[in-house]
């Protein structure tokens, strides 16, 4: 009896001891991921000479805030921030509306050609986005939307990845909820809006975070469809800080740090829903 009472107490200790190498590896990987951000922040407070020194200078000798002053003096931060935020909101809102409806249709309705049409969505995932740039540019030009915020946001509203992610979430839901709602007299849209959509809320939040990240960091498409500083996004403004013969790296790092703060706020606000959505989306069905 004494031995059986001791064994359950020793087993968790042995398990914790066997996990410490995994914790060391995870801490090392986390440190490697954080290192570029630390280097970025330290470079923002260096002088131009320190940022170009060989061998590299890790810590600035004196905290120099001149890079932040030069950034705000060089880049029209207010207008670019407004364009970035507005295009992000349009893109995220439009993508969530389109992807939730399309995903629900693929997951819960049966119609001729459904599987073949969804296969085309999967093929779009394999094609590089640069393949559609010329067609998208011609479309925006024909609509007279060049050099406007809608031109930046509209192509990103349609997402094969978002449709696939939400379809998997809808497939994981039991059909009993739909049947109960229909017995109560709800139509198809009411079942979608009031019953099924709230149940995949974490996955929708995860898609919102991923779309916000991609929209905020997108450089190539806004660079193609905008030409005036008043309609450029922050990534385009940061790209313009890189000169042909030299780059003011402290100013560039200061601008990059400031531009990344909104994404940090979005992730902190939605991190619980983000991880829950990624975990619950599961590749089921």
C-alpha atoms as a PDB file:
ATOM      1  CA  UNK A   1       0.000   0.000   0.000  1.00  0.00           C
ATOM      2  CA  UNK A   2       2.879   2.397   0.748  1.00  0.00           C
ATOM      3  CA  UNK A   3       4.432   1.866  -2.670  1.00  0.00           C
ATOM      4  CA  UNK A   4       1.150   2.501  -4.496  1.00  0.00           C
ATOM      5  CA  UNK A   5       0.719   5.770  -2.585  1.00  0.00           C
ATOM      6  CA  UNK A   6       4.200   7.039  -3.528  1.00  0.00           C
ATOM      7  CA  UNK A   7       4.187   6.218  -7.248  1.00  0.00           C
ATOM      8  CA  UNK A   8       1.502   8.732  -8.352  1.00  0.00           C
ATOM      9  CA  UNK A   9       3.400  11.539  -6.595  1.00  0.00           C
ATOM     10  CA  UNK A  10       6.706  10.708  -8.311  1.00  0.00           C
ATOM     11  CA  UNK A  11       5.319  10.388 -11.827  1.00  0.00           C
ATOM     12  CA  UNK A  12       4.545  14.126 -12.351  1.00  0.00           C
ATOM     13  CA  UNK A  13       8.041  15.053 -11.084  1.00  0.00           C
ATOM     14  CA  UNK A  14       9.670  12.721 -13.570  1.00  0.00           C
ATOM     15  CA  UNK A  15       7.489  14.126 -16.333  1.00  0.00           C
ATOM     16  CA  UNK A  16       8.463  17.699 -15.448  1.00  0.00           C
ATOM     17  CA  UNK A  17      12.163  16.776 -15.357  1.00  0.00           C
ATOM     18  CA  UNK A  18      11.946  15.114 -18.782  1.00  0.00           C
ATOM     19  CA  UNK A  19      10.408  18.265 -20.308  1.00  0.00           C
ATOM     20  CA  UNK A  20      13.171  20.729 -19.433  1.00  0.00           C
ATOM     21  CA  UNK A  21      15.143  20.162 -22.689  1.00  0.00           C
ATOM     22  CA  UNK A  22      11.995  21.042 -24.649  1.00  0.00           C
ATOM     23  CA  UNK A  23      11.597  24.243 -22.628  1.00  0.00           C
ATOM     24  CA  UNK A  24      15.216  25.203 -23.297  1.00  0.00           C
ATOM     25  CA  UNK A  25      14.725  24.693 -27.033  1.00  0.00           C
ATOM     26  CA  UNK A  26      11.501  26.729 -27.040  1.00  0.00           C
ATOM     27  CA  UNK A  27      13.136  29.583 -25.098  1.00  0.00           C
ATOM     28  CA  UNK A  28      16.063  29.607 -27.530  1.00  0.00           C
ATOM     29  CA  UNK A  29      13.704  29.709 -30.533  1.00  0.00           C
ATOM     30  CA  UNK A  30      11.697  32.515 -28.929  1.00  0.00           C
ATOM     31  CA  UNK A  31      14.895  34.491 -28.320  1.00  0.00           C
ATOM     32  CA  UNK A  32      15.901  34.077 -31.977  1.00  0.00           C
ATOM     33  CA  UNK A  33      12.494  35.365 -33.075  1.00  0.00           C
ATOM     34  CA  UNK A  34      12.650  38.388 -30.767  1.00  0.00           C
ATOM     35  CA  UNK A  35      16.253  39.258 -31.676  1.00  0.00           C
ATOM     36  CA  UNK A  36      15.412  41.101 -34.950  1.00  0.00           C
ATOM     37  CA  UNK A  37      12.899  43.319 -33.153  1.00  0.00           C
ATOM     38  CA  UNK A  38      15.428  44.126 -30.425  1.00  0.00           C
ATOM     39  CA  UNK A  39      18.025  44.973 -33.073  1.00  0.00           C
ATOM     40  CA  UNK A  40      15.487  47.174 -34.872  1.00  0.00           C
ATOM     41  CA  UNK A  41      14.687  49.124 -31.703  1.00  0.00           C
ATOM     42  CA  UNK A  42      18.353  49.534 -30.743  1.00  0.00           C
ATOM     43  CA  UNK A  43      19.238  50.743 -34.252  1.00  0.00           C
ATOM     44  CA  UNK A  44      16.499  53.360 -34.090  1.00  0.00           C
ATOM     45  CA  UNK A  45      18.367  55.047 -31.212  1.00  0.00           C
ATOM     46  CA  UNK A  46      21.798  54.898 -32.854  1.00  0.00           C
ATOM     47  CA  UNK A  47      23.526  57.549 -34.890  1.00  0.00           C
ATOM     48  CA  UNK A  48      24.030  56.995 -38.610  1.00  0.00           C
ATOM     49  CA  UNK A  49      27.745  56.315 -38.021  1.00  0.00           C
ATOM     50  CA  UNK A  50      26.984  53.692 -35.359  1.00  0.00           C
ATOM     51  CA  UNK A  51      24.454  51.943 -37.622  1.00  0.00           C
ATOM     52  CA  UNK A  52      27.143  51.546 -40.318  1.00  0.00           C
ATOM     53  CA  UNK A  53      30.044  50.669 -38.037  1.00  0.00           C
ATOM     54  CA  UNK A  54      32.114  47.556 -38.707  1.00  0.00           C
ATOM     55  CA  UNK A  55      32.127  45.473 -36.568  1.00  0.00           C
ATOM     56  CA  UNK A  56      28.484  46.208 -35.704  1.00  0.00           C
ATOM     57  CA  UNK A  57      27.716  48.232 -32.588  1.00  0.00           C
ATOM     58  CA  UNK A  58      25.121  46.469 -30.446  1.00  0.00           C
ATOM     59  CA  UNK A  59      24.161  49.229 -27.995  1.00  0.00           C
ATOM     60  CA  UNK A  60      24.117  52.946 -28.864  1.00  0.00           C
ATOM     61  CA  UNK A  61      26.572  55.042 -26.906  1.00  0.00           C
ATOM     62  CA  UNK A  62      23.885  57.683 -26.300  1.00  0.00           C
ATOM     63  CA  UNK A  63      20.137  57.412 -26.886  1.00  0.00           C
ATOM     64  CA  UNK A  64      19.634  59.524 -30.009  1.00  0.00           C
ATOM     65  CA  UNK A  65      16.003  60.452 -30.805  1.00  0.00           C
ATOM     66  CA  UNK A  66      16.992  62.216 -33.998  1.00  0.00           C
ATOM     67  CA  UNK A  67      15.882  59.278 -36.150  1.00  0.00           C
ATOM     68  CA  UNK A  68      12.289  59.672 -34.974  1.00  0.00           C
ATOM     69  CA  UNK A  69      12.394  63.415 -35.691  1.00  0.00           C
ATOM     70  CA  UNK A  70      13.783  62.823 -39.183  1.00  0.00           C
ATOM     71  CA  UNK A  71      11.126  60.202 -39.879  1.00  0.00           C
ATOM     72  CA  UNK A  72       8.220  62.503 -39.032  1.00  0.00           C
ATOM     73  CA  UNK A  73       9.864  65.346 -40.955  1.00  0.00           C
ATOM     74  CA  UNK A  74      10.425  63.221 -44.073  1.00  0.00           C
ATOM     75  CA  UNK A  75       7.305  61.041 -44.269  1.00  0.00           C
ATOM     76  CA  UNK A  76       3.712  62.428 -44.271  1.00  0.00           C
ATOM     77  CA  UNK A  77       2.896  60.071 -41.435  1.00  0.00           C
ATOM     78  CA  UNK A  78      -0.640  61.319 -40.763  1.00  0.00           C
ATOM     79  CA  UNK A  79      -1.963  60.844 -44.291  1.00  0.00           C
ATOM     80  CA  UNK A  80      -0.182  57.515 -44.799  1.00  0.00           C
ATOM     81  CA  UNK A  81      -1.458  56.220 -41.469  1.00  0.00           C
ATOM     82  CA  UNK A  82      -5.000  57.214 -42.411  1.00  0.00           C
ATOM     83  CA  UNK A  83      -4.745  55.478 -45.787  1.00  0.00           C
ATOM     84  CA  UNK A  84      -3.296  52.333 -44.191  1.00  0.00           C
ATOM     85  CA  UNK A  85      -6.001  52.177 -41.521  1.00  0.00           C
ATOM     86  CA  UNK A  86      -8.847  52.873 -43.957  1.00  0.00           C
ATOM     87  CA  UNK A  87      -7.654  50.318 -46.493  1.00  0.00           C
ATOM     88  CA  UNK A  88      -7.172  47.780 -43.698  1.00  0.00           C
ATOM     89  CA  UNK A  89     -10.718  48.312 -42.399  1.00  0.00           C
ATOM     90  CA  UNK A  90     -12.228  48.035 -45.885  1.00  0.00           C
ATOM     91  CA  UNK A  91     -10.213  44.948 -46.677  1.00  0.00           C
ATOM     92  CA  UNK A  92     -10.903  43.135 -43.410  1.00  0.00           C
ATOM     93  CA  UNK A  93     -14.625  43.973 -43.358  1.00  0.00           C
ATOM     94  CA  UNK A  94     -15.116  43.042 -47.009  1.00  0.00           C
ATOM     95  CA  UNK A  95     -13.122  39.832 -46.707  1.00  0.00           C
ATOM     96  CA  UNK A  96     -15.011  38.676 -43.639  1.00  0.00           C
ATOM     97  CA  UNK A  97     -18.369  39.260 -45.346  1.00  0.00           C
ATOM     98  CA  UNK A  98     -17.379  37.534 -48.595  1.00  0.00           C
ATOM     99  CA  UNK A  99     -15.463  34.645 -47.021  1.00  0.00           C
ATOM    100  CA  UNK A 100     -18.035  33.803 -44.351  1.00  0.00           C
ATOM    101  CA  UNK A 101     -20.864  33.651 -46.902  1.00  0.00           C
ATOM    102  CA  UNK A 102     -18.827  31.679 -49.440  1.00  0.00           C
ATOM    103  CA  UNK A 103     -17.456  29.290 -46.821  1.00  0.00           C
ATOM    104  CA  UNK A 104     -20.906  28.654 -45.363  1.00  0.00           C
ATOM    105  CA  UNK A 105     -22.254  27.902 -48.822  1.00  0.00           C
ATOM    106  CA  UNK A 106     -19.444  25.447 -49.581  1.00  0.00           C
ATOM    107  CA  UNK A 107     -19.731  23.746 -46.199  1.00  0.00           C
ATOM    108  CA  UNK A 108     -23.470  23.486 -45.559  1.00  0.00           C
ATOM    109  CA  UNK A 109     -25.200  23.550 -48.970  1.00  0.00           C
ATOM    110  CA  UNK A 110     -25.225  20.993 -51.754  1.00  0.00           C
ATOM    111  CA  UNK A 111     -25.409  22.271 -55.322  1.00  0.00           C
ATOM    112  CA  UNK A 112     -24.146  21.070 -58.717  1.00  0.00           C
ATOM    113  CA  UNK A 113     -20.454  21.722 -59.252  1.00  0.00           C
ATOM    114  CA  UNK A 114     -19.746  22.560 -55.612  1.00  0.00           C
ATOM    115  CA  UNK A 115     -16.688  20.362 -55.280  1.00  0.00           C
ATOM    116  CA  UNK A 116     -15.275  21.413 -58.664  1.00  0.00           C
ATOM    117  CA  UNK A 117     -15.726  25.089 -57.803  1.00  0.00           C
ATOM    118  CA  UNK A 118     -14.043  24.626 -54.438  1.00  0.00           C
ATOM    119  CA  UNK A 119     -11.193  22.839 -56.186  1.00  0.00           C
ATOM    120  CA  UNK A 120     -10.639  26.029 -58.203  1.00  0.00           C
ATOM    121  CA  UNK A 121     -10.358  27.918 -54.905  1.00  0.00           C
ATOM    122  CA  UNK A 122      -7.651  25.515 -53.806  1.00  0.00           C
ATOM    123  CA  UNK A 123      -5.834  25.985 -57.118  1.00  0.00           C
ATOM    124  CA  UNK A 124      -5.825  29.744 -56.462  1.00  0.00           C
ATOM    125  CA  UNK A 125      -3.991  29.052 -53.198  1.00  0.00           C
ATOM    126  CA  UNK A 126      -1.174  27.458 -55.183  1.00  0.00           C
ATOM    127  CA  UNK A 127      -0.858  30.322 -57.675  1.00  0.00           C
ATOM    128  CA  UNK A 128       1.410  33.259 -56.674  1.00  0.00           C
ATOM    129  CA  UNK A 129      -0.433  36.527 -56.105  1.00  0.00           C
ATOM    130  CA  UNK A 130       1.903  38.311 -58.543  1.00  0.00           C
ATOM    131  CA  UNK A 131       0.250  36.341 -61.327  1.00  0.00           C
ATOM    132  CA  UNK A 132      -2.919  38.448 -61.004  1.00  0.00           C
ATOM    133  CA  UNK A 133      -1.288  41.888 -60.739  1.00  0.00           C
ATOM    134  CA  UNK A 134      -1.689  42.926 -64.394  1.00  0.00           C
ATOM    135  CA  UNK A 135      -5.334  41.828 -64.570  1.00  0.00           C
ATOM    136  CA  UNK A 136      -6.129  43.564 -61.275  1.00  0.00           C
ATOM    137  CA  UNK A 137      -4.395  46.754 -62.403  1.00  0.00           C
ATOM    138  CA  UNK A 138      -6.335  46.789 -65.683  1.00  0.00           C
ATOM    139  CA  UNK A 139      -9.574  46.270 -63.755  1.00  0.00           C
ATOM    140  CA  UNK A 140      -8.856  49.124 -61.340  1.00  0.00           C
ATOM    141  CA  UNK A 141      -7.907  51.353 -64.263  1.00  0.00           C
ATOM    142  CA  UNK A 142     -11.124  50.513 -66.125  1.00  0.00           C
ATOM    143  CA  UNK A 143     -13.136  51.360 -63.000  1.00  0.00           C
ATOM    144  CA  UNK A 144     -11.281  54.666 -62.591  1.00  0.00           C
ATOM    145  CA  UNK A 145     -10.064  53.767 -59.125  1.00  0.00           C
ATOM    146  CA  UNK A 146      -6.310  54.182 -59.555  1.00  0.00           C
ATOM    147  CA  UNK A 147      -4.631  56.262 -56.861  1.00  0.00           C
ATOM    148  CA  UNK A 148      -7.534  55.745 -54.437  1.00  0.00           C
ATOM    149  CA  UNK A 149      -8.042  53.789 -51.213  1.00  0.00           C
ATOM    150  CA  UNK A 150     -10.633  51.389 -52.723  1.00  0.00           C
ATOM    151  CA  UNK A 151      -8.077  50.355 -55.344  1.00  0.00           C
ATOM    152  CA  UNK A 152      -5.771  49.243 -52.519  1.00  0.00           C
ATOM    153  CA  UNK A 153      -8.463  47.331 -50.624  1.00  0.00           C
ATOM    154  CA  UNK A 154     -10.779  45.770 -53.223  1.00  0.00           C
ATOM    155  CA  UNK A 155      -8.474  43.011 -54.613  1.00  0.00           C
ATOM    156  CA  UNK A 156      -7.750  41.790 -51.077  1.00  0.00           C
ATOM    157  CA  UNK A 157     -11.428  41.323 -50.266  1.00  0.00           C
ATOM    158  CA  UNK A 158     -11.554  38.054 -52.204  1.00  0.00           C
ATOM    159  CA  UNK A 159      -9.457  35.435 -50.415  1.00  0.00           C
ATOM    160  CA  UNK A 160      -9.257  31.738 -51.256  1.00  0.00           C
ATOM    161  CA  UNK A 161      -7.396  31.098 -48.010  1.00  0.00           C
ATOM    162  CA  UNK A 162     -10.071  32.817 -45.918  1.00  0.00           C
ATOM    163  CA  UNK A 163     -12.806  30.813 -47.634  1.00  0.00           C
ATOM    164  CA  UNK A 164     -10.908  27.574 -47.051  1.00  0.00           C
ATOM    165  CA  UNK A 165     -10.214  28.368 -43.386  1.00  0.00           C
ATOM    166  CA  UNK A 166     -13.826  29.247 -42.583  1.00  0.00           C
ATOM    167  CA  UNK A 167     -15.178  26.317 -44.578  1.00  0.00           C
ATOM    168  CA  UNK A 168     -13.224  23.965 -42.335  1.00  0.00           C
ATOM    169  CA  UNK A 169     -14.679  25.698 -39.284  1.00  0.00           C
ATOM    170  CA  UNK A 170     -18.255  25.406 -40.576  1.00  0.00           C
ATOM    171  CA  UNK A 171     -17.733  21.734 -41.475  1.00  0.00           C
ATOM    172  CA  UNK A 172     -16.741  20.989 -37.884  1.00  0.00           C
ATOM    173  CA  UNK A 173     -20.131  22.173 -36.546  1.00  0.00           C
ATOM    174  CA  UNK A 174     -22.829  19.544 -35.915  1.00  0.00           C
ATOM    175  CA  UNK A 175     -25.882  19.665 -38.179  1.00  0.00           C
ATOM    176  CA  UNK A 176     -28.185  19.468 -35.153  1.00  0.00           C
ATOM    177  CA  UNK A 177     -27.973  23.220 -34.605  1.00  0.00           C
ATOM    178  CA  UNK A 178     -29.214  23.937 -38.140  1.00  0.00           C
ATOM    179  CA  UNK A 179     -32.038  21.462 -37.843  1.00  0.00           C
ATOM    180  CA  UNK A 180     -33.170  22.903 -34.514  1.00  0.00           C
ATOM    181  CA  UNK A 181     -33.131  26.442 -35.924  1.00  0.00           C
ATOM    182  CA  UNK A 182     -35.150  25.408 -38.980  1.00  0.00           C
ATOM    183  CA  UNK A 183     -37.709  23.679 -36.760  1.00  0.00           C
ATOM    184  CA  UNK A 184     -38.089  27.004 -34.959  1.00  0.00           C
ATOM    185  CA  UNK A 185     -38.935  28.672 -38.267  1.00  0.00           C
ATOM    186  CA  UNK A 186     -35.580  30.299 -39.134  1.00  0.00           C
ATOM    187  CA  UNK A 187     -34.728  30.745 -42.797  1.00  0.00           C
ATOM    188  CA  UNK A 188     -31.318  29.991 -44.330  1.00  0.00           C
ATOM    189  CA  UNK A 189     -29.837  33.420 -43.665  1.00  0.00           C
ATOM    190  CA  UNK A 190     -31.118  33.504 -40.082  1.00  0.00           C
ATOM    191  CA  UNK A 191     -29.532  30.106 -39.457  1.00  0.00           C
ATOM    192  CA  UNK A 192     -26.250  31.424 -40.826  1.00  0.00           C
ATOM    193  CA  UNK A 193     -26.299  34.791 -39.036  1.00  0.00           C
ATOM    194  CA  UNK A 194     -27.779  33.909 -35.647  1.00  0.00           C
ATOM    195  CA  UNK A 195     -26.693  30.314 -35.111  1.00  0.00           C
ATOM    196  CA  UNK A 196     -23.712  29.211 -37.179  1.00  0.00           C
ATOM    197  CA  UNK A 197     -21.649  32.385 -37.536  1.00  0.00           C
ATOM    198  CA  UNK A 198     -21.373  33.084 -33.763  1.00  0.00           C
ATOM    199  CA  UNK A 199     -20.106  29.536 -33.254  1.00  0.00           C
ATOM    200  CA  UNK A 200     -17.111  30.118 -35.548  1.00  0.00           C
ATOM    201  CA  UNK A 201     -16.347  33.508 -33.988  1.00  0.00           C
ATOM    202  CA  UNK A 202     -12.788  32.541 -32.920  1.00  0.00           C
ATOM    203  CA  UNK A 203     -11.934  31.468 -36.465  1.00  0.00           C
ATOM    204  CA  UNK A 204     -13.370  34.710 -37.842  1.00  0.00           C
ATOM    205  CA  UNK A 205     -11.202  36.628 -35.366  1.00  0.00           C
ATOM    206  CA  UNK A 206      -8.155  34.628 -36.453  1.00  0.00           C
ATOM    207  CA  UNK A 207      -8.857  35.466 -40.098  1.00  0.00           C
ATOM    208  CA  UNK A 208      -9.281  39.131 -39.157  1.00  0.00           C
ATOM    209  CA  UNK A 209      -5.851  39.166 -37.501  1.00  0.00           C
ATOM    210  CA  UNK A 210      -4.166  37.400 -40.437  1.00  0.00           C
ATOM    211  CA  UNK A 211      -5.842  39.713 -42.957  1.00  0.00           C
ATOM    212  CA  UNK A 212      -4.876  42.778 -40.929  1.00  0.00           C
ATOM    213  CA  UNK A 213      -1.266  41.600 -40.842  1.00  0.00           C
ATOM    214  CA  UNK A 214      -1.138  41.002 -44.584  1.00  0.00           C
ATOM    215  CA  UNK A 215      -2.946  44.237 -45.440  1.00  0.00           C
ATOM    216  CA  UNK A 216      -0.782  46.378 -43.177  1.00  0.00           C
ATOM    217  CA  UNK A 217       2.479  44.950 -44.548  1.00  0.00           C
ATOM    218  CA  UNK A 218       1.436  44.814 -48.198  1.00  0.00           C
ATOM    219  CA  UNK A 219       3.911  46.764 -50.328  1.00  0.00           C
ATOM    220  CA  UNK A 220       3.788  45.618 -53.943  1.00  0.00           C
ATOM    221  CA  UNK A 221       0.116  46.251 -54.741  1.00  0.00           C
ATOM    222  CA  UNK A 222      -0.163  49.708 -53.082  1.00  0.00           C
ATOM    223  CA  UNK A 223       3.093  50.666 -54.795  1.00  0.00           C
ATOM    224  CA  UNK A 224       1.561  49.795 -58.180  1.00  0.00           C
ATOM    225  CA  UNK A 225      -1.829  51.524 -57.844  1.00  0.00           C
ATOM    226  CA  UNK A 226      -0.764  54.690 -55.994  1.00  0.00           C
ATOM    227  CA  UNK A 227       1.518  57.473 -57.143  1.00  0.00           C
ATOM    228  CA  UNK A 228       0.898  60.446 -54.818  1.00  0.00           C
ATOM    229  CA  UNK A 229       2.037  60.608 -51.163  1.00  0.00           C
ATOM    230  CA  UNK A 230      -1.533  61.409 -50.075  1.00  0.00           C
ATOM    231  CA  UNK A 231      -2.756  57.964 -51.163  1.00  0.00           C
ATOM    232  CA  UNK A 232       0.295  55.878 -50.236  1.00  0.00           C
ATOM    233  CA  UNK A 233       0.391  53.450 -47.336  1.00  0.00           C
ATOM    234  CA  UNK A 234       3.027  53.304 -44.615  1.00  0.00           C
ATOM    235  CA  UNK A 235       4.996  50.405 -46.173  1.00  0.00           C
ATOM    236  CA  UNK A 236       5.332  52.432 -49.378  1.00  0.00           C
ATOM    237  CA  UNK A 237       6.511  55.423 -47.373  1.00  0.00           C
ATOM    238  CA  UNK A 238       9.090  53.275 -45.588  1.00  0.00           C
ATOM    239  CA  UNK A 239      10.295  51.861 -48.909  1.00  0.00           C
ATOM    240  CA  UNK A 240      10.864  55.405 -50.164  1.00  0.00           C
ATOM    241  CA  UNK A 241      13.304  55.987 -47.284  1.00  0.00           C
ATOM    242  CA  UNK A 242      15.771  53.584 -48.904  1.00  0.00           C
ATOM    243  CA  UNK A 243      18.051  55.570 -51.169  1.00  0.00           C
ATOM    244  CA  UNK A 244      19.896  54.394 -54.249  1.00  0.00           C
ATOM    245  CA  UNK A 245      23.355  55.210 -52.888  1.00  0.00           C
ATOM    246  CA  UNK A 246      22.761  55.140 -49.152  1.00  0.00           C
ATOM    247  CA  UNK A 247      20.122  54.565 -46.505  1.00  0.00           C
ATOM    248  CA  UNK A 248      19.565  56.268 -43.178  1.00  0.00           C
ATOM    249  CA  UNK A 249      19.071  53.057 -41.224  1.00  0.00           C
ATOM    250  CA  UNK A 250      18.174  54.643 -37.862  1.00  0.00           C
ATOM    251  CA  UNK A 251      15.371  56.616 -39.544  1.00  0.00           C
ATOM    252  CA  UNK A 252      14.196  53.523 -41.397  1.00  0.00           C
ATOM    253  CA  UNK A 253      14.209  51.427 -38.212  1.00  0.00           C
ATOM    254  CA  UNK A 254      12.396  54.170 -36.288  1.00  0.00           C
ATOM    255  CA  UNK A 255       9.700  54.305 -38.948  1.00  0.00           C
ATOM    256  CA  UNK A 256       9.405  50.516 -39.025  1.00  0.00           C
ATOM    257  CA  UNK A 257       9.024  50.418 -35.254  1.00  0.00           C
ATOM    258  CA  UNK A 258       6.286  53.059 -35.298  1.00  0.00           C
ATOM    259  CA  UNK A 259       4.506  51.345 -38.193  1.00  0.00           C
ATOM    260  CA  UNK A 260       4.490  47.998 -36.363  1.00  0.00           C
ATOM    261  CA  UNK A 261       2.792  49.331 -33.213  1.00  0.00           C
ATOM    262  CA  UNK A 262      -0.801  49.170 -34.568  1.00  0.00           C
ATOM    263  CA  UNK A 263      -0.324  45.501 -35.446  1.00  0.00           C
ATOM    264  CA  UNK A 264       0.936  44.788 -31.943  1.00  0.00           C
ATOM    265  CA  UNK A 265      -2.191  46.441 -30.512  1.00  0.00           C
ATOM    266  CA  UNK A 266      -4.460  44.411 -32.812  1.00  0.00           C
ATOM    267  CA  UNK A 267      -2.747  41.151 -31.896  1.00  0.00           C
ATOM    268  CA  UNK A 268      -2.844  41.865 -28.159  1.00  0.00           C
ATOM    269  CA  UNK A 269      -6.548  42.703 -28.374  1.00  0.00           C
ATOM    270  CA  UNK A 270      -7.434  39.550 -30.339  1.00  0.00           C
ATOM    271  CA  UNK A 271      -4.749  37.084 -29.275  1.00  0.00           C
ATOM    272  CA  UNK A 272      -7.116  34.836 -27.302  1.00  0.00           C
ATOM    273  CA  UNK A 273      -9.591  34.620 -30.200  1.00  0.00           C
ATOM    274  CA  UNK A 274      -6.714  34.179 -32.650  1.00  0.00           C
ATOM    275  CA  UNK A 275      -5.238  31.118 -30.943  1.00  0.00           C
ATOM    276  CA  UNK A 276      -8.675  29.671 -30.243  1.00  0.00           C
ATOM    277  CA  UNK A 277      -9.629  30.108 -33.881  1.00  0.00           C
ATOM    278  CA  UNK A 278      -6.467  28.466 -35.202  1.00  0.00           C
ATOM    279  CA  UNK A 279      -6.948  25.556 -32.791  1.00  0.00           C
ATOM    280  CA  UNK A 280     -10.658  25.068 -33.488  1.00  0.00           C
ATOM    281  CA  UNK A 281     -10.541  25.556 -37.260  1.00  0.00           C
ATOM    282  CA  UNK A 282      -8.945  22.079 -37.487  1.00  0.00           C
ATOM    283  CA  UNK A 283      -8.682  20.471 -40.873  1.00  0.00           C
ATOM    284  CA  UNK A 284     -11.755  18.325 -40.331  1.00  0.00           C
ATOM    285  CA  UNK A 285     -14.306  17.060 -42.773  1.00  0.00           C
END
